[in-house]
PDB file of N, CA and C in Angstrom:
ATOM      1  N   MET A   1       0.765  -1.237  -0.077  1.00  0.00           N
ATOM      2  CA  MET A   1      -0.135  -0.036  -0.185  1.00  0.00           C
ATOM      3  C   MET A   1       0.935   1.070   0.273  1.00  0.00           C
ATOM      4  N   SER A   2       0.674   2.286  -0.776  1.00  0.00           N
ATOM      5  CA  SER A   2       1.248   3.227  -1.002  1.00  0.00           C
ATOM      6  C   SER A   2       1.353   4.471   0.391  1.00  0.00           C
ATOM      7  N   ILE A   3       1.958   5.315   0.576  1.00  0.00           N
ATOM      8  CA  ILE A   3       2.012   6.197   1.712  1.00  0.00           C
ATOM      9  C   ILE A   3       0.735   6.686   1.521  1.00  0.00           C
ATOM     10  N   ARG A   4       0.650   7.247   0.312  1.00  0.00           N
ATOM     11  CA  ARG A   4      -0.608   8.306   0.031  1.00  0.00           C
ATOM     12  C   ARG A   4      -1.649   7.542   0.232  1.00  0.00           C
ATOM     13  N   MET A   5      -1.971   6.296  -0.125  1.00  0.00           N
ATOM     14  CA  MET A   5      -3.201   5.537   0.337  1.00  0.00           C
ATOM     15  C   MET A   5      -3.286   4.984   1.793  1.00  0.00           C
ATOM     16  N   ILE A   6      -1.867   5.098   2.538  1.00  0.00           N
ATOM     17  CA  ILE A   6      -2.079   4.752   3.950  1.00  0.00           C
ATOM     18  C   ILE A   6      -2.756   5.936   4.475  1.00  0.00           C
ATOM     19  N   ALA A   7      -2.068   7.086   4.352  1.00  0.00           N
ATOM     20  CA  ALA A   7      -2.862   8.511   4.768  1.00  0.00           C
ATOM     21  C   ALA A   7      -4.178   8.773   4.809  1.00  0.00           C
ATOM     22  N   LYS A   8      -4.410   8.254   3.253  1.00  0.00           N
ATOM     23  CA  LYS A   8      -5.989   8.714   3.037  1.00  0.00           C
ATOM     24  C   LYS A   8      -6.871   7.949   3.903  1.00  0.00           C
ATOM     25  N   GLU A   9      -6.329   6.463   4.439  1.00  0.00           N
ATOM     26  CA  GLU A   9      -7.397   5.837   5.092  1.00  0.00           C
ATOM     27  C   GLU A   9      -6.943   6.262   6.584  1.00  0.00           C
ATOM     28  N   LEU A  10      -6.003   6.680   7.020  1.00  0.00           N
ATOM     29  CA  LEU A  10      -5.608   7.148   8.231  1.00  0.00           C
ATOM     30  C   LEU A  10      -6.848   8.428   8.798  1.00  0.00           C
ATOM     31  N   TYR A  11      -6.634   9.287   7.537  1.00  0.00           N
ATOM     32  CA  TYR A  11      -7.602  10.456   7.749  1.00  0.00           C
ATOM     33  C   TYR A  11      -9.171   9.985   7.706  1.00  0.00           C
ATOM     34  N   ARG A  12      -9.344   9.282   6.912  1.00  0.00           N
ATOM     35  CA  ARG A  12     -10.960   8.729   7.041  1.00  0.00           C
ATOM     36  C   ARG A  12     -11.280   7.824   8.751  1.00  0.00           C
ATOM     37  N   LEU A  13     -10.108   7.309   9.317  1.00  0.00           N
ATOM     38  CA  LEU A  13     -10.362   6.680  10.317  1.00  0.00           C
ATOM     39  C   LEU A  13     -10.512   7.887  11.427  1.00  0.00           C
ATOM     40  N   GLU A  14      -9.517   9.089  11.117  1.00  0.00           N
ATOM     41  CA  GLU A  14      -9.473  10.196  12.068  1.00  0.00           C
ATOM     42  C   GLU A  14     -10.674  10.438  12.338  1.00  0.00           C
ATOM     43  N   LYS A  15     -11.328  10.719  11.017  1.00  0.00           N
ATOM     44  CA  LYS A  15     -12.920  11.636  10.921  1.00  0.00           C
ATOM     45  C   LYS A  15     -13.790  10.678  11.194  1.00  0.00           C
ATOM     46  N   GLU A  16     -13.709   9.545  10.945  1.00  0.00           N
ATOM     47  CA  GLU A  16     -14.979   8.248  11.780  1.00  0.00           C
ATOM     48  C   GLU A  16     -14.723   8.379  13.269  1.00  0.00           C
ATOM     49  N   VAL A  17     -13.654   8.729  13.718  1.00  0.00           N
ATOM     50  CA  VAL A  17     -13.279   8.486  15.292  1.00  0.00           C
ATOM     51  C   VAL A  17     -14.083   9.694  15.551  1.00  0.00           C
ATOM     52  N   GLU A  18     -13.943  10.851  15.260  1.00  0.00           N
ATOM     53  CA  GLU A  18     -14.123  12.233  15.762  1.00  0.00           C
ATOM     54  C   GLU A  18     -15.992  11.829  15.412  1.00  0.00           C
ATOM     55  N   LYS A  19     -16.733  11.375  14.403  1.00  0.00           N
ATOM     56  CA  LYS A  19     -17.976  11.231  14.311  1.00  0.00           C
ATOM     57  C   LYS A  19     -18.586  10.682  15.393  1.00  0.00           C
ATOM     58  N   LEU A  20     -17.909   9.604  15.761  1.00  0.00           N
ATOM     59  CA  LEU A  20     -18.453   8.416  16.626  1.00  0.00           C
ATOM     60  C   LEU A  20     -18.344   8.830  17.941  1.00  0.00           C
ATOM     61  N   GLU A  21     -16.941   9.925  18.226  1.00  0.00           N
ATOM     62  CA  GLU A  21     -17.287  10.290  19.762  1.00  0.00           C
ATOM     63  C   GLU A  21     -18.115  11.327  19.951  1.00  0.00           C
ATOM     64  N   GLU A  22     -18.844  12.154  18.849  1.00  0.00           N
ATOM     65  CA  GLU A  22     -19.661  13.021  18.898  1.00  0.00           C
ATOM     66  C   GLU A  22     -21.063  12.033  19.147  1.00  0.00           C
ATOM     67  N   GLN A  23     -21.381  10.954  18.391  1.00  0.00           N
ATOM     68  CA  GLN A  23     -22.271  10.381  18.541  1.00  0.00           C
ATOM     69  C   GLN A  23     -22.782   9.606  19.935  1.00  0.00           C
ATOM     70  N   ILE A  24     -21.526   9.432  20.705  1.00  0.00           N
ATOM     71  CA  ILE A  24     -21.818   9.073  21.834  1.00  0.00           C
ATOM     72  C   ILE A  24     -22.142   9.895  23.195  1.00  0.00           C
ATOM     73  N   LYS A  25     -21.984  11.255  22.617  1.00  0.00           N
ATOM     74  CA  LYS A  25     -22.142  12.456  23.795  1.00  0.00           C
ATOM     75  C   LYS A  25     -23.838  12.287  23.446  1.00  0.00           C
ATOM     76  N   CYS A  26     -24.122  12.410  22.454  1.00  0.00           N
ATOM     77  CA  CYS A  26     -25.808  12.550  22.271  1.00  0.00           C
ATOM     78  C   CYS A  26     -26.508  11.063  22.279  1.00  0.00           C
ATOM     79  N   ALA A  27     -26.095   9.609  22.290  1.00  0.00           N
ATOM     80  CA  ALA A  27     -26.790   8.625  22.150  1.00  0.00           C
ATOM     81  C   ALA A  27     -27.502   8.627  23.480  1.00  0.00           C
ATOM     82  N   PRO A  28     -28.543   7.830  23.602  1.00  0.00           N
ATOM     83  CA  PRO A  28     -29.278   7.341  24.662  1.00  0.00           C
ATOM     84  C   PRO A  28     -28.562   6.196  25.397  1.00  0.00           C
ATOM     85  N   ALA A  29     -28.524   6.151  26.708  1.00  0.00           N
ATOM     86  CA  ALA A  29     -27.404   5.305  27.381  1.00  0.00           C
ATOM     87  C   ALA A  29     -27.358   4.005  27.332  1.00  0.00           C
ATOM     88  N   GLU A  30     -28.750   3.413  26.590  1.00  0.00           N
ATOM     89  CA  GLU A  30     -28.674   1.691  26.206  1.00  0.00           C
ATOM     90  C   GLU A  30     -27.996   1.700  25.180  1.00  0.00           C
ATOM     91  N   GLN A  31     -27.564   2.833  24.215  1.00  0.00           N
ATOM     92  CA  GLN A  31     -26.814   2.689  22.798  1.00  0.00           C
ATOM     93  C   GLN A  31     -25.442   2.827  22.932  1.00  0.00           C
ATOM     94  N   ARG A  32     -25.123   3.203  24.279  1.00  0.00           N
ATOM     95  CA  ARG A  32     -23.480   3.976  24.243  1.00  0.00           C
ATOM     96  C   ARG A  32     -22.671   2.849  24.457  1.00  0.00           C
ATOM     97  N   GLU A  33     -22.765   1.819  25.171  1.00  0.00           N
ATOM     98  CA  GLU A  33     -22.120   0.781  25.238  1.00  0.00           C
ATOM     99  C   GLU A  33     -21.540   0.180  24.033  1.00  0.00           C
ATOM    100  N   ALA A  34     -22.241  -0.449  23.234  1.00  0.00           N
ATOM    101  CA  ALA A  34     -22.265  -0.588  21.886  1.00  0.00           C
ATOM    102  C   ALA A  34     -21.376   0.354  21.018  1.00  0.00           C
ATOM    103  N   LEU A  35     -21.840   1.776  21.081  1.00  0.00           N
ATOM    104  CA  LEU A  35     -21.097   2.773  20.325  1.00  0.00           C
ATOM    105  C   LEU A  35     -19.291   2.667  20.766  1.00  0.00           C
ATOM    106  N   ARG A  36     -19.171   2.516  22.142  1.00  0.00           N
ATOM    107  CA  ARG A  36     -18.019   2.608  22.858  1.00  0.00           C
ATOM    108  C   ARG A  36     -17.482   1.422  22.266  1.00  0.00           C
ATOM    109  N   ASP A  37     -18.083   0.253  22.255  1.00  0.00           N
ATOM    110  CA  ASP A  37     -17.071  -1.043  21.845  1.00  0.00           C
ATOM    111  C   ASP A  37     -16.450  -0.485  20.340  1.00  0.00           C
ATOM    112  N   ARG A  38     -17.625   0.048  19.435  1.00  0.00           N
ATOM    113  CA  ARG A  38     -17.190   0.402  17.906  1.00  0.00           C
ATOM    114  C   ARG A  38     -16.261   1.456  18.214  1.00  0.00           C
ATOM    115  N   LEU A  39     -16.206   2.317  19.172  1.00  0.00           N
ATOM    116  CA  LEU A  39     -15.133   3.317  19.116  1.00  0.00           C
ATOM    117  C   LEU A  39     -13.499   2.666  19.723  1.00  0.00           C
ATOM    118  N   ARG A  40     -13.592   1.800  20.647  1.00  0.00           N
ATOM    119  CA  ARG A  40     -12.135   1.234  20.970  1.00  0.00           C
ATOM    120  C   ARG A  40     -11.945   0.287  19.614  1.00  0.00           C
ATOM    121  N   ARG A  41     -12.524  -0.244  18.876  1.00  0.00           N
ATOM    122  CA  ARG A  41     -12.253  -0.920  17.666  1.00  0.00           C
ATOM    123  C   ARG A  41     -11.565   0.107  16.504  1.00  0.00           C
ATOM    124  N   LEU A  42     -12.330   1.107  16.288  1.00  0.00           N
ATOM    125  CA  LEU A  42     -11.833   2.151  15.471  1.00  0.00           C
ATOM    126  C   LEU A  42     -10.588   2.658  15.835  1.00  0.00           C
ATOM    127  N   LYS A  43     -10.290   2.993  17.134  1.00  0.00           N
ATOM    128  CA  LYS A  43      -9.182   3.245  17.547  1.00  0.00           C
ATOM    129  C   LYS A  43      -8.072   2.401  17.377  1.00  0.00           C
ATOM    130  N   ALA A  44      -8.349   1.338  17.725  1.00  0.00           N
ATOM    131  CA  ALA A  44      -7.276   0.275  17.613  1.00  0.00           C
ATOM    132  C   ALA A  44      -6.748   0.488  15.993  1.00  0.00           C
ATOM    133  N   GLU A  45      -7.942   0.599  14.989  1.00  0.00           N
ATOM    134  CA  GLU A  45      -7.634   0.193  13.583  1.00  0.00           C
ATOM    135  C   GLU A  45      -6.926   1.318  13.322  1.00  0.00           C
ATOM    136  N   ARG A  46      -7.108   2.532  13.642  1.00  0.00           N
ATOM    137  CA  ARG A  46      -6.484   4.051  13.462  1.00  0.00           C
ATOM    138  C   ARG A  46      -5.144   4.117  13.856  1.00  0.00           C
ATOM    139  N   ASN A  47      -4.663   3.296  15.389  1.00  0.00           N
ATOM    140  CA  ASN A  47      -3.668   3.425  15.956  1.00  0.00           C
ATOM    141  C   ASN A  47      -2.803   2.551  14.716  1.00  0.00           C
ATOM    142  N   ARG A  48      -3.223   1.142  14.726  1.00  0.00           N
ATOM    143  CA  ARG A  48      -2.273   0.433  13.605  1.00  0.00           C
ATOM    144  C   ARG A  48      -1.963   1.090  12.355  1.00  0.00           C
ATOM    145  N   MET A  49      -3.072   1.853  11.522  1.00  0.00           N
ATOM    146  CA  MET A  49      -2.487   2.607  10.498  1.00  0.00           C
ATOM    147  C   MET A  49      -1.824   3.972  10.720  1.00  0.00           C
ATOM    148  N   ARG A  50      -1.710   4.148  11.857  1.00  0.00           N
ATOM    149  CA  ARG A  50      -0.604   5.524  11.892  1.00  0.00           C
ATOM    150  C   ARG A  50       0.436   5.013  12.058  1.00  0.00           C
ATOM    151  N   LYS A  51       0.610   3.791  12.973  1.00  0.00           N
ATOM    152  CA  LYS A  51       1.972   3.007  12.989  1.00  0.00           C
ATOM    153  C   LYS A  51       2.543   2.813  11.536  1.00  0.00           C
ATOM    154  N   THR A  52       1.728   2.194  10.930  1.00  0.00           N
ATOM    155  CA  THR A  52       1.960   1.740   9.717  1.00  0.00           C
ATOM    156  C   THR A  52       2.682   3.096   8.516  1.00  0.00           C
ATOM    157  N   LEU A  53       1.994   4.192   8.720  1.00  0.00           N
ATOM    158  CA  LEU A  53       2.553   5.268   8.095  1.00  0.00           C
ATOM    159  C   LEU A  53       3.799   5.641   9.000  1.00  0.00           C
ATOM    160  N   ASP A  54       4.020   5.716  10.055  1.00  0.00           N
ATOM    161  CA  ASP A  54       5.143   6.448  10.446  1.00  0.00           C
ATOM    162  C   ASP A  54       6.107   5.492  10.129  1.00  0.00           C
ATOM    163  N   GLY A  55       5.914   3.990  10.099  1.00  0.00           N
ATOM    164  CA  GLY A  55       7.148   3.075   9.556  1.00  0.00           C
ATOM    165  C   GLY A  55       7.372   3.181   7.989  1.00  0.00           C
ATOM    166  N   ALA A  56       6.200   3.719   7.437  1.00  0.00           N
ATOM    167  CA  ALA A  56       6.466   3.603   6.030  1.00  0.00           C
ATOM    168  C   ALA A  56       7.338   4.900   5.713  1.00  0.00           C
ATOM    169  N   LYS A  57       7.669   5.910   6.235  1.00  0.00           N
ATOM    170  CA  LYS A  57       8.352   6.985   6.403  1.00  0.00           C
ATOM    171  C   LYS A  57       9.341   7.073   6.934  1.00  0.00           C
ATOM    172  N   VAL A  58       9.941   6.067   7.783  1.00  0.00           N
ATOM    173  CA  VAL A  58      11.361   5.933   8.138  1.00  0.00           C
ATOM    174  C   VAL A  58      12.194   5.446   6.970  1.00  0.00           C
ATOM    175  N   PRO A  59      13.280   6.271   6.393  1.00  0.00           N
ATOM    176  CA  PRO A  59      14.156   5.826   5.673  1.00  0.00           C
ATOM    177  C   PRO A  59      14.720   4.593   6.025  1.00  0.00           C
ATOM    178  N   PRO A  60      15.403   3.835   5.191  1.00  0.00           N
ATOM    179  CA  PRO A  60      16.172   2.336   5.396  1.00  0.00           C
ATOM    180  C   PRO A  60      17.117   2.814   6.385  1.00  0.00           C
ATOM    181  N   PRO A  61      18.195   2.229   6.849  1.00  0.00           N
ATOM    182  CA  PRO A  61      18.978   2.157   7.686  1.00  0.00           C
ATOM    183  C   PRO A  61      20.370   2.582   6.354  1.00  0.00           C
ATOM    184  N   PHE A  62      21.287   3.067   6.713  1.00  0.00           N
ATOM    185  CA  PHE A  62      22.491   3.205   5.574  1.00  0.00           C
ATOM    186  C   PHE A  62      23.353   1.966   5.817  1.00  0.00           C
ATOM    187  N   HIS A  63      23.592   1.521   4.787  1.00  0.00           N
ATOM    188  CA  HIS A  63      24.439  -0.035   5.153  1.00  0.00           C
ATOM    189  C   HIS A  63      26.138   0.567   4.344  1.00  0.00           C
ATOM    190  N   HIS A  64      27.018   0.289   5.069  1.00  0.00           N
ATOM    191  CA  HIS A  64      28.375   0.671   4.474  1.00  0.00           C
ATOM    192  C   HIS A  64      28.872  -0.614   4.016  1.00  0.00           C
ATOM    193  N   PRO A  65      29.256  -0.589   2.424  1.00  0.00           N
ATOM    194  CA  PRO A  65      29.689  -1.603   1.579  1.00  0.00           C
ATOM    195  C   PRO A  65      31.234  -2.033   2.354  1.00  0.00           C
ATOM    196  N   LEU A  66      31.114  -3.596   2.557  1.00  0.00           N
ATOM    197  CA  LEU A  66      32.178  -4.124   3.174  1.00  0.00           C
ATOM    198  C   LEU A  66      33.506  -3.889   2.583  1.00  0.00           C
TER     199      LEU A  66
END
């Protein structure tokens, strides 16, 4: 996956997390637990994508020829 695609996916996940956090604030009490569970999974996915992007941006270590 290219860096651009990873960044787009990360942006989408960030927006979805924000939207879900707002929904939780306004949701009835009986729906909050299910929404919190979904938020937890979304945040985990977002964090994995962020780590993937951070790893993709790190240049490979320089190797000295022997």
